[in-house]
Amino acid sequence: MSKIAIGRLNNQRAAQAFCDYLKSKGIEAWNEGENGQCVVLISDPQAEDFSSAELRDFLQDSANRKYLDASWNEGDSNLSISPFNTGQAGNTSFTQFLSRTGKMTRALVLISIVVTLITNFGDNIQITKYLLIADITDYRGGLKEIFSGQIWRLLTPIFLHFMVIHILFNMMWMWDLGGAVEKRQSSSFLLFFVVSIGIMSNIIQFLASGPAFGGMSGVVYGLLGYTWIRSLKSNSGYFLHKGIVVMMIGWLILGYTGWIGPIGNAAHLSGLLFGMAYGFAWNQYE
């Protein structure tokens, strides 16, 4: 059996976590001690370039959730990965938390929080009416405000949230899924993704229920669909825990039962489908 060394780590737990991640991608990997360090080894020469590139990403962002998820699926579910970088002091928990995202993800979360507070969870109708896809205080059907030039309305409903649990749920997933996409690809790609999926899911929700809706859920489901499909390609660099997919799809189905009240089912489903379509497209492109 071939033994190809792709790098060395000073931390055995981190080395094992990275090996578990490679195993989740179908790559046989293990680590061996040598001179006080852990050498990461693989057996497949064709996987060397991919594994080396992934190791560079791991060294920059070892706290990324995908490594923890891989350890749960492939290795020790009790594994705790400390922030890893060579020759530097360990990061604080807050720094670890921030490291899971990029500037664009943080900006989108901040905008959502600020808009939600300014509109008082939608109760301040004098501000909210300018951010909905149509002015509900003077709604007579159609999108006359947008056709008159208020094109921001196509997007701004994604920043409106009407309950604490509503914004907490959406921002949690935006932080994780959006952060993963931004770190793996780029801030500009994440912005393109959020704007395009946001606009499309908003239009479909409007066609389904009228203008009284808001929230980042359509975008979140888009990110879920995109990450899910990208993770099916072994060298994409994406990983999504199967339990997350099952939970989110279950929540989507539950929304259609009406048991959890009126929610944007059309935005959720369309966002998921658009995100999956983007995932298929990028799997072919990359």
C-alpha atoms as a PDB file:
ATOM      1  CA  MET A   1       0.000   0.000   0.000  1.00  0.00           C
ATOM      2  CA  SER A   2       1.290   3.454  -0.902  1.00  0.00           C
ATOM      3  CA  LYS A   3       2.070   5.886   1.876  1.00  0.00           C
ATOM      4  CA  ILE A   4       1.999   9.496   0.682  1.00  0.00           C
ATOM      5  CA  ALA A   5       2.742  12.188   3.264  1.00  0.00           C
ATOM      6  CA  ILE A   6       0.820  15.382   2.572  1.00  0.00           C
ATOM      7  CA  GLY A   7       1.721  17.388   5.673  1.00  0.00           C
ATOM      8  CA  ARG A   8       2.528  17.531   9.366  1.00  0.00           C
ATOM      9  CA  LEU A   9       0.506  18.808  12.298  1.00  0.00           C
ATOM     10  CA  ASN A  10       1.572  19.488  15.866  1.00  0.00           C
ATOM     11  CA  ASN A  11      -1.777  18.445  17.317  1.00  0.00           C
ATOM     12  CA  GLN A  12      -2.916  14.798  17.244  1.00  0.00           C
ATOM     13  CA  ARG A  13      -6.589  15.658  17.662  1.00  0.00           C
ATOM     14  CA  ALA A  14      -6.409  18.065  14.749  1.00  0.00           C
ATOM     15  CA  ALA A  15      -4.577  15.479  12.620  1.00  0.00           C
ATOM     16  CA  GLN A  16      -7.252  12.874  13.352  1.00  0.00           C
ATOM     17  CA  ALA A  17     -10.039  15.327  12.581  1.00  0.00           C
ATOM     18  CA  PHE A  18      -8.496  16.120   9.218  1.00  0.00           C
ATOM     19  CA  CYS A  19      -8.056  12.417   8.449  1.00  0.00           C
ATOM     20  CA  ASP A  20     -11.740  11.877   9.301  1.00  0.00           C
ATOM     21  CA  TYR A  21     -12.615  14.682   6.905  1.00  0.00           C
ATOM     22  CA  LEU A  22     -10.639  13.045   4.083  1.00  0.00           C
ATOM     23  CA  LYS A  23     -12.345   9.724   4.837  1.00  0.00           C
ATOM     24  CA  SER A  24     -15.719  11.438   4.444  1.00  0.00           C
ATOM     25  CA  LYS A  25     -14.567  12.321   0.910  1.00  0.00           C
ATOM     26  CA  GLY A  26     -13.721   8.697   0.148  1.00  0.00           C
ATOM     27  CA  ILE A  27      -9.963   9.106   0.653  1.00  0.00           C
ATOM     28  CA  GLU A  28      -8.119   6.589   2.825  1.00  0.00           C
ATOM     29  CA  ALA A  29      -6.142   8.632   5.357  1.00  0.00           C
ATOM     30  CA  TRP A  30      -4.380   8.153   8.673  1.00  0.00           C
ATOM     31  CA  ASN A  31      -1.723   9.825  10.773  1.00  0.00           C
ATOM     32  CA  GLU A  32       1.528   8.580  12.288  1.00  0.00           C
ATOM     33  CA  GLY A  33       3.749  10.102  14.928  1.00  0.00           C
ATOM     34  CA  GLU A  34       7.207  11.245  13.890  1.00  0.00           C
ATOM     35  CA  ASN A  35       9.624  13.428  15.874  1.00  0.00           C
ATOM     36  CA  GLY A  36       6.844  14.764  18.080  1.00  0.00           C
ATOM     37  CA  GLN A  37       4.599  15.623  15.136  1.00  0.00           C
ATOM     38  CA  CYS A  38       1.704  13.903  13.356  1.00  0.00           C
ATOM     39  CA  VAL A  39       2.278  13.077   9.716  1.00  0.00           C
ATOM     40  CA  VAL A  40      -0.915  12.930   7.638  1.00  0.00           C
ATOM     41  CA  LEU A  41      -0.758  10.073   5.123  1.00  0.00           C
ATOM     42  CA  ILE A  42      -2.935   8.935   2.237  1.00  0.00           C
ATOM     43  CA  SER A  43      -2.731   5.894  -0.029  1.00  0.00           C
ATOM     44  CA  ASP A  44      -4.155   7.196  -3.326  1.00  0.00           C
ATOM     45  CA  PRO A  45      -1.713   9.216  -5.489  1.00  0.00           C
ATOM     46  CA  GLN A  46      -4.616  10.677  -7.474  1.00  0.00           C
ATOM     47  CA  ALA A  47      -5.977  12.288  -4.293  1.00  0.00           C
ATOM     48  CA  GLU A  48      -2.701  13.994  -3.372  1.00  0.00           C
ATOM     49  CA  ASP A  49      -3.419  17.406  -4.942  1.00  0.00           C
ATOM     50  CA  PHE A  50      -6.928  17.601  -3.504  1.00  0.00           C
ATOM     51  CA  SER A  51      -5.781  16.454  -0.056  1.00  0.00           C
ATOM     52  CA  SER A  52      -2.913  18.940   0.031  1.00  0.00           C
ATOM     53  CA  ALA A  53      -5.234  21.797  -0.927  1.00  0.00           C
ATOM     54  CA  GLU A  54      -7.732  20.748   1.735  1.00  0.00           C
ATOM     55  CA  LEU A  55      -4.970  20.617   4.341  1.00  0.00           C
ATOM     56  CA  ARG A  56      -4.073  24.238   3.545  1.00  0.00           C
ATOM     57  CA  ASP A  57      -7.719  25.194   4.107  1.00  0.00           C
ATOM     58  CA  PHE A  58      -7.748  23.217   7.350  1.00  0.00           C
ATOM     59  CA  LEU A  59      -4.687  25.039   8.674  1.00  0.00           C
ATOM     60  CA  GLN A  60      -6.440  28.360   8.057  1.00  0.00           C
ATOM     61  CA  ASP A  61      -9.827  27.370   9.488  1.00  0.00           C
ATOM     62  CA  SER A  62      -9.633  24.216  11.582  1.00  0.00           C
ATOM     63  CA  ALA A  63     -12.729  25.244  13.598  1.00  0.00           C
ATOM     64  CA  ASN A  64     -14.939  24.965  10.514  1.00  0.00           C
ATOM     65  CA  ARG A  65     -18.040  22.922  11.211  1.00  0.00           C
ATOM     66  CA  LYS A  66     -17.384  20.540   8.318  1.00  0.00           C
ATOM     67  CA  TYR A  67     -14.405  19.014  10.179  1.00  0.00           C
ATOM     68  CA  LEU A  68     -16.467  18.482  13.329  1.00  0.00           C
ATOM     69  CA  ASP A  69     -19.231  16.898  11.277  1.00  0.00           C
ATOM     70  CA  ALA A  70     -16.739  14.589   9.559  1.00  0.00           C
ATOM     71  CA  SER A  71     -15.365  13.461  12.922  1.00  0.00           C
ATOM     72  CA  TRP A  72     -18.900  12.670  14.035  1.00  0.00           C
ATOM     73  CA  ASN A  73     -19.620  10.595  10.921  1.00  0.00           C
ATOM     74  CA  GLU A  74     -16.254   8.939  10.379  1.00  0.00           C
ATOM     75  CA  GLY A  75     -14.405   8.950  13.679  1.00  0.00           C
ATOM     76  CA  ASP A  76     -14.693   9.939  17.334  1.00  0.00           C
ATOM     77  CA  SER A  77     -17.903  11.862  18.040  1.00  0.00           C
ATOM     78  CA  ASN A  78     -16.290  13.248  21.199  1.00  0.00           C
ATOM     79  CA  LEU A  79     -13.398  14.763  19.302  1.00  0.00           C
ATOM     80  CA  SER A  80     -12.726  18.363  20.244  1.00  0.00           C
ATOM     81  CA  ILE A  81     -10.662  20.287  17.723  1.00  0.00           C
ATOM     82  CA  SER A  82      -8.653  23.179  19.032  1.00  0.00           C
ATOM     83  CA  PRO A  83      -7.948  26.089  16.696  1.00  0.00           C
ATOM     84  CA  PHE A  84      -4.815  25.121  14.822  1.00  0.00           C
ATOM     85  CA  ASN A  85      -2.148  27.340  13.426  1.00  0.00           C
ATOM     86  CA  THR A  86       1.587  26.961  13.474  1.00  0.00           C
ATOM     87  CA  GLY A  87       3.658  28.885  15.947  1.00  0.00           C
ATOM     88  CA  GLN A  88       0.853  31.128  17.177  1.00  0.00           C
ATOM     89  CA  ALA A  89      -1.201  31.295  20.348  1.00  0.00           C
ATOM     90  CA  GLY A  90      -4.602  29.638  20.335  1.00  0.00           C
ATOM     91  CA  ASN A  91      -7.570  31.748  19.308  1.00  0.00           C
ATOM     92  CA  THR A  92     -10.342  32.605  21.708  1.00  0.00           C
ATOM     93  CA  SER A  93     -13.783  31.035  21.363  1.00  0.00           C
ATOM     94  CA  PHE A  94     -15.079  34.289  19.912  1.00  0.00           C
ATOM     95  CA  THR A  95     -12.351  34.292  17.289  1.00  0.00           C
ATOM     96  CA  GLN A  96     -13.248  30.706  16.423  1.00  0.00           C
ATOM     97  CA  PHE A  97     -16.862  31.755  16.028  1.00  0.00           C
ATOM     98  CA  LEU A  98     -15.934  34.622  13.709  1.00  0.00           C
ATOM     99  CA  SER A  99     -13.544  32.443  11.722  1.00  0.00           C
ATOM    100  CA  ARG A 100     -16.461  30.350  10.480  1.00  0.00           C
ATOM    101  CA  THR A 101     -17.621  33.225   8.267  1.00  0.00           C
ATOM    102  CA  GLY A 102     -16.350  36.011   6.052  1.00  0.00           C
ATOM    103  CA  LYS A 103     -17.128  39.713   5.855  1.00  0.00           C
ATOM    104  CA  MET A 104     -20.133  39.281   3.559  1.00  0.00           C
ATOM    105  CA  THR A 105     -21.854  36.773   5.847  1.00  0.00           C
ATOM    106  CA  ARG A 106     -21.308  39.035   8.837  1.00  0.00           C
ATOM    107  CA  ALA A 107     -22.638  42.036   6.907  1.00  0.00           C
ATOM    108  CA  LEU A 108     -25.807  40.189   5.870  1.00  0.00           C
ATOM    109  CA  VAL A 109     -26.442  39.032   9.439  1.00  0.00           C
ATOM    110  CA  LEU A 110     -25.834  42.540  10.781  1.00  0.00           C
ATOM    111  CA  ILE A 111     -28.187  44.120   8.242  1.00  0.00           C
ATOM    112  CA  SER A 112     -30.897  41.598   9.148  1.00  0.00           C
ATOM    113  CA  ILE A 113     -30.538  42.333  12.851  1.00  0.00           C
ATOM    114  CA  VAL A 114     -30.518  46.116  12.370  1.00  0.00           C
ATOM    115  CA  VAL A 115     -33.547  46.055  10.050  1.00  0.00           C
ATOM    116  CA  THR A 116     -35.452  43.782  12.425  1.00  0.00           C
ATOM    117  CA  LEU A 117     -34.759  46.093  15.371  1.00  0.00           C
ATOM    118  CA  ILE A 118     -35.528  49.298  13.460  1.00  0.00           C
ATOM    119  CA  THR A 119     -38.850  47.900  12.268  1.00  0.00           C
ATOM    120  CA  ASN A 120     -39.559  46.480  15.752  1.00  0.00           C
ATOM    121  CA  PHE A 121     -40.132  43.000  14.307  1.00  0.00           C
ATOM    122  CA  GLY A 122     -42.429  44.458  11.671  1.00  0.00           C
ATOM    123  CA  ASP A 123     -44.660  46.343  14.111  1.00  0.00           C
ATOM    124  CA  ASN A 124     -43.360  49.726  12.924  1.00  0.00           C
ATOM    125  CA  ILE A 125     -45.458  49.717   9.786  1.00  0.00           C
ATOM    126  CA  GLN A 126     -44.295  53.194   8.732  1.00  0.00           C
ATOM    127  CA  ILE A 127     -40.847  51.755   8.027  1.00  0.00           C
ATOM    128  CA  THR A 128     -41.810  48.164   7.258  1.00  0.00           C
ATOM    129  CA  LYS A 129     -44.128  49.153   4.416  1.00  0.00           C
ATOM    130  CA  TYR A 130     -41.144  50.516   2.453  1.00  0.00           C
ATOM    131  CA  LEU A 131     -39.248  47.224   2.752  1.00  0.00           C
ATOM    132  CA  LEU A 132     -42.002  44.785   1.830  1.00  0.00           C
ATOM    133  CA  ILE A 133     -42.297  43.740  -1.805  1.00  0.00           C
ATOM    134  CA  ALA A 134     -45.420  45.961  -2.005  1.00  0.00           C
ATOM    135  CA  ASP A 135     -46.932  48.610   0.280  1.00  0.00           C
ATOM    136  CA  ILE A 136     -49.509  46.665   2.288  1.00  0.00           C
ATOM    137  CA  THR A 137     -51.133  49.886   3.515  1.00  0.00           C
ATOM    138  CA  ASP A 138     -52.181  50.695  -0.047  1.00  0.00           C
ATOM    139  CA  TYR A 139     -52.166  47.311  -1.721  1.00  0.00           C
ATOM    140  CA  ARG A 140     -54.473  46.852  -4.679  1.00  0.00           C
ATOM    141  CA  GLY A 141     -52.741  43.947  -6.354  1.00  0.00           C
ATOM    142  CA  GLY A 142     -49.627  43.833  -8.483  1.00  0.00           C
ATOM    143  CA  LEU A 143     -46.218  45.372  -7.912  1.00  0.00           C
ATOM    144  CA  LYS A 144     -46.839  48.977  -8.869  1.00  0.00           C
ATOM    145  CA  GLU A 145     -44.176  50.294  -6.478  1.00  0.00           C
ATOM    146  CA  ILE A 146     -41.470  48.170  -8.105  1.00  0.00           C
ATOM    147  CA  PHE A 147     -42.581  49.107 -11.607  1.00  0.00           C
ATOM    148  CA  SER A 148     -42.466  52.762 -10.554  1.00  0.00           C
ATOM    149  CA  GLY A 149     -38.765  52.408  -9.669  1.00  0.00           C
ATOM    150  CA  GLN A 150     -38.640  51.063  -6.078  1.00  0.00           C
ATOM    151  CA  ILE A 151     -36.653  48.014  -7.186  1.00  0.00           C
ATOM    152  CA  TRP A 152     -35.082  47.482  -3.750  1.00  0.00           C
ATOM    153  CA  ARG A 153     -38.395  45.905  -2.737  1.00  0.00           C
ATOM    154  CA  LEU A 154     -37.502  42.811  -4.755  1.00  0.00           C
ATOM    155  CA  LEU A 155     -34.789  41.998  -2.202  1.00  0.00           C
ATOM    156  CA  THR A 156     -35.439  43.817   1.086  1.00  0.00           C
ATOM    157  CA  PRO A 157     -38.116  41.412   2.429  1.00  0.00           C
ATOM    158  CA  ILE A 158     -35.303  38.946   3.211  1.00  0.00           C
ATOM    159  CA  PHE A 159     -34.050  41.311   5.941  1.00  0.00           C
ATOM    160  CA  LEU A 160     -37.439  41.542   7.701  1.00  0.00           C
ATOM    161  CA  HIS A 161     -38.132  39.194  10.621  1.00  0.00           C
ATOM    162  CA  PHE A 162     -41.253  39.171  12.760  1.00  0.00           C
ATOM    163  CA  MET A 163     -40.348  37.045  15.791  1.00  0.00           C
ATOM    164  CA  VAL A 164     -37.247  36.432  17.883  1.00  0.00           C
ATOM    165  CA  ILE A 165     -37.195  32.719  17.003  1.00  0.00           C
ATOM    166  CA  HIS A 166     -37.619  33.703  13.354  1.00  0.00           C
ATOM    167  CA  ILE A 167     -34.431  35.739  13.194  1.00  0.00           C
ATOM    168  CA  LEU A 168     -32.450  33.433  15.489  1.00  0.00           C
ATOM    169  CA  PHE A 169     -33.203  30.411  13.322  1.00  0.00           C
ATOM    170  CA  ASN A 170     -32.393  32.188  10.072  1.00  0.00           C
ATOM    171  CA  MET A 171     -29.228  33.897  11.306  1.00  0.00           C
ATOM    172  CA  MET A 172     -27.871  30.691  12.804  1.00  0.00           C
ATOM    173  CA  TRP A 173     -28.115  28.917   9.466  1.00  0.00           C
ATOM    174  CA  MET A 174     -26.985  31.960   7.524  1.00  0.00           C
ATOM    175  CA  TRP A 175     -23.861  32.108   9.697  1.00  0.00           C
ATOM    176  CA  ASP A 176     -23.036  28.427   9.175  1.00  0.00           C
ATOM    177  CA  LEU A 177     -24.161  27.768   5.604  1.00  0.00           C
ATOM    178  CA  GLY A 178     -23.450  31.235   4.226  1.00  0.00           C
ATOM    179  CA  GLY A 179     -20.114  31.310   6.003  1.00  0.00           C
ATOM    180  CA  ALA A 180     -19.148  27.942   4.527  1.00  0.00           C
ATOM    181  CA  VAL A 181     -20.015  29.082   0.994  1.00  0.00           C
ATOM    182  CA  GLU A 182     -18.133  32.352   1.411  1.00  0.00           C
ATOM    183  CA  LYS A 183     -15.039  30.646   2.823  1.00  0.00           C
ATOM    184  CA  ARG A 184     -15.067  27.967   0.119  1.00  0.00           C
ATOM    185  CA  GLN A 185     -15.754  30.307  -2.804  1.00  0.00           C
ATOM    186  CA  SER A 186     -15.793  34.082  -2.298  1.00  0.00           C
ATOM    187  CA  SER A 187     -17.645  37.035  -0.804  1.00  0.00           C
ATOM    188  CA  SER A 188     -18.767  38.171  -4.251  1.00  0.00           C
ATOM    189  CA  PHE A 189     -20.197  34.728  -5.009  1.00  0.00           C
ATOM    190  CA  LEU A 190     -22.131  34.698  -1.737  1.00  0.00           C
ATOM    191  CA  LEU A 191     -23.520  38.166  -2.510  1.00  0.00           C
ATOM    192  CA  PHE A 192     -24.592  37.022  -5.990  1.00  0.00           C
ATOM    193  CA  PHE A 193     -26.173  33.911  -4.479  1.00  0.00           C
ATOM    194  CA  VAL A 194     -28.111  35.747  -1.755  1.00  0.00           C
ATOM    195  CA  VAL A 195     -29.357  38.494  -4.082  1.00  0.00           C
ATOM    196  CA  SER A 196     -30.446  36.153  -6.878  1.00  0.00           C
ATOM    197  CA  ILE A 197     -32.031  33.489  -4.657  1.00  0.00           C
ATOM    198  CA  GLY A 198     -33.584  36.191  -2.459  1.00  0.00           C
ATOM    199  CA  ILE A 199     -35.234  37.961  -5.378  1.00  0.00           C
ATOM    200  CA  MET A 200     -36.494  34.774  -7.034  1.00  0.00           C
ATOM    201  CA  SER A 201     -37.904  33.272  -3.841  1.00  0.00           C
ATOM    202  CA  ASN A 202     -39.512  36.617  -2.904  1.00  0.00           C
ATOM    203  CA  ILE A 203     -41.304  36.823  -6.251  1.00  0.00           C
ATOM    204  CA  ILE A 204     -42.597  33.269  -5.955  1.00  0.00           C
ATOM    205  CA  GLN A 205     -43.766  33.851  -2.377  1.00  0.00           C
ATOM    206  CA  PHE A 206     -45.560  37.011  -3.520  1.00  0.00           C
ATOM    207  CA  LEU A 207     -47.310  35.083  -6.299  1.00  0.00           C
ATOM    208  CA  ALA A 208     -48.351  32.453  -3.761  1.00  0.00           C
ATOM    209  CA  SER A 209     -49.544  34.604  -0.863  1.00  0.00           C
ATOM    210  CA  GLY A 210     -49.339  38.336  -1.586  1.00  0.00           C
ATOM    211  CA  PRO A 211     -46.950  40.937  -0.126  1.00  0.00           C
ATOM    212  CA  ALA A 212     -47.191  40.301   3.639  1.00  0.00           C
ATOM    213  CA  PHE A 213     -44.078  38.183   4.160  1.00  0.00           C
ATOM    214  CA  GLY A 214     -40.429  38.501   5.088  1.00  0.00           C
ATOM    215  CA  GLY A 215     -37.388  36.604   6.273  1.00  0.00           C
ATOM    216  CA  MET A 216     -34.124  35.037   5.124  1.00  0.00           C
ATOM    217  CA  SER A 217     -35.592  31.519   5.065  1.00  0.00           C
ATOM    218  CA  GLY A 218     -35.772  31.276   1.277  1.00  0.00           C
ATOM    219  CA  VAL A 219     -32.077  32.150   1.055  1.00  0.00           C
ATOM    220  CA  VAL A 220     -31.233  29.732   3.884  1.00  0.00           C
ATOM    221  CA  TYR A 221     -32.977  26.897   2.058  1.00  0.00           C
ATOM    222  CA  GLY A 222     -31.146  27.957  -1.080  1.00  0.00           C
ATOM    223  CA  LEU A 223     -27.830  27.654   0.768  1.00  0.00           C
ATOM    224  CA  LEU A 224     -28.920  24.270   2.102  1.00  0.00           C
ATOM    225  CA  GLY A 225     -29.781  22.998  -1.376  1.00  0.00           C
ATOM    226  CA  TYR A 226     -26.577  24.369  -2.857  1.00  0.00           C
ATOM    227  CA  THR A 227     -24.311  22.941  -0.136  1.00  0.00           C
ATOM    228  CA  TRP A 228     -26.126  19.607  -0.236  1.00  0.00           C
ATOM    229  CA  ILE A 229     -25.663  19.128  -3.986  1.00  0.00           C
ATOM    230  CA  ARG A 230     -22.083  20.436  -3.955  1.00  0.00           C
ATOM    231  CA  SER A 231     -21.223  17.952  -1.178  1.00  0.00           C
ATOM    232  CA  LEU A 232     -22.238  15.062  -3.452  1.00  0.00           C
ATOM    233  CA  LYS A 233     -19.172  15.809  -5.586  1.00  0.00           C
ATOM    234  CA  SER A 234     -16.185  14.283  -3.838  1.00  0.00           C
ATOM    235  CA  ASN A 235     -13.657  17.020  -4.652  1.00  0.00           C
ATOM    236  CA  SER A 236     -15.935  20.035  -4.178  1.00  0.00           C
ATOM    237  CA  GLY A 237     -14.631  20.856  -0.701  1.00  0.00           C
ATOM    238  CA  TYR A 238     -18.182  20.880   0.672  1.00  0.00           C
ATOM    239  CA  PHE A 239     -19.563  18.625   3.384  1.00  0.00           C
ATOM    240  CA  LEU A 240     -23.064  18.580   4.866  1.00  0.00           C
ATOM    241  CA  HIS A 241     -24.179  16.324   7.697  1.00  0.00           C
ATOM    242  CA  LYS A 242     -27.022  14.081   6.518  1.00  0.00           C
ATOM    243  CA  GLY A 243     -28.926  14.831   9.706  1.00  0.00           C
ATOM    244  CA  ILE A 244     -29.076  18.520   8.791  1.00  0.00           C
ATOM    245  CA  VAL A 245     -30.631  17.749   5.414  1.00  0.00           C
ATOM    246  CA  VAL A 246     -33.219  15.438   6.998  1.00  0.00           C
ATOM    247  CA  MET A 247     -34.099  17.998   9.675  1.00  0.00           C
ATOM    248  CA  MET A 248     -34.457  20.909   7.251  1.00  0.00           C
ATOM    249  CA  ILE A 249     -36.512  18.899   4.750  1.00  0.00           C
ATOM    250  CA  GLY A 250     -38.688  17.720   7.631  1.00  0.00           C
ATOM    251  CA  TRP A 251     -39.207  21.320   8.725  1.00  0.00           C
ATOM    252  CA  LEU A 252     -40.106  22.242   5.148  1.00  0.00           C
ATOM    253  CA  ILE A 253     -42.734  19.496   4.983  1.00  0.00           C
ATOM    254  CA  LEU A 254     -44.067  20.433   8.421  1.00  0.00           C
ATOM    255  CA  GLY A 255     -44.635  23.989   7.159  1.00  0.00           C
ATOM    256  CA  TYR A 256     -47.103  22.700   4.581  1.00  0.00           C
ATOM    257  CA  THR A 257     -49.210  20.996   7.264  1.00  0.00           C
ATOM    258  CA  GLY A 258     -50.160  24.359   8.786  1.00  0.00           C
ATOM    259  CA  TRP A 259     -49.305  23.092  12.281  1.00  0.00           C
ATOM    260  CA  ILE A 260     -46.659  25.774  12.826  1.00  0.00           C
ATOM    261  CA  GLY A 261     -48.720  28.695  11.576  1.00  0.00           C
ATOM    262  CA  PRO A 262     -48.449  30.821   8.442  1.00  0.00           C
ATOM    263  CA  ILE A 263     -44.906  30.695   7.042  1.00  0.00           C
ATOM    264  CA  GLY A 264     -43.324  31.312   3.649  1.00  0.00           C
ATOM    265  CA  ASN A 265     -43.606  27.793   2.251  1.00  0.00           C
ATOM    266  CA  ALA A 266     -43.289  28.961  -1.347  1.00  0.00           C
ATOM    267  CA  ALA A 267     -40.087  30.856  -0.569  1.00  0.00           C
ATOM    268  CA  HIS A 268     -38.685  27.857   1.308  1.00  0.00           C
ATOM    269  CA  LEU A 269     -39.382  25.343  -1.441  1.00  0.00           C
ATOM    270  CA  SER A 270     -38.359  27.600  -4.317  1.00  0.00           C
ATOM    271  CA  GLY A 271     -35.193  28.642  -2.490  1.00  0.00           C
ATOM    272  CA  LEU A 272     -34.282  24.985  -1.950  1.00  0.00           C
ATOM    273  CA  LEU A 273     -34.889  24.104  -5.611  1.00  0.00           C
ATOM    274  CA  PHE A 274     -33.007  27.130  -6.934  1.00  0.00           C
ATOM    275  CA  GLY A 275     -30.105  26.377  -4.608  1.00  0.00           C
ATOM    276  CA  MET A 276     -30.006  22.755  -5.772  1.00  0.00           C
ATOM    277  CA  ALA A 277     -30.009  23.943  -9.387  1.00  0.00           C
ATOM    278  CA  TYR A 278     -27.059  26.232  -8.647  1.00  0.00           C
ATOM    279  CA  GLY A 279     -25.314  23.289  -6.968  1.00  0.00           C
ATOM    280  CA  PHE A 280     -25.745  21.079 -10.028  1.00  0.00           C
ATOM    281  CA  ALA A 281     -24.495  23.885 -12.271  1.00  0.00           C
ATOM    282  CA  TRP A 282     -21.385  24.604 -10.178  1.00  0.00           C
ATOM    283  CA  ASN A 283     -20.581  20.899  -9.876  1.00  0.00           C
ATOM    284  CA  GLN A 284     -20.342  20.858 -13.666  1.00  0.00           C
ATOM    285  CA  TYR A 285     -18.416  24.134 -13.797  1.00  0.00           C
ATOM    286  CA  GLU A 286     -15.749  23.347 -11.180  1.00  0.00           C
END
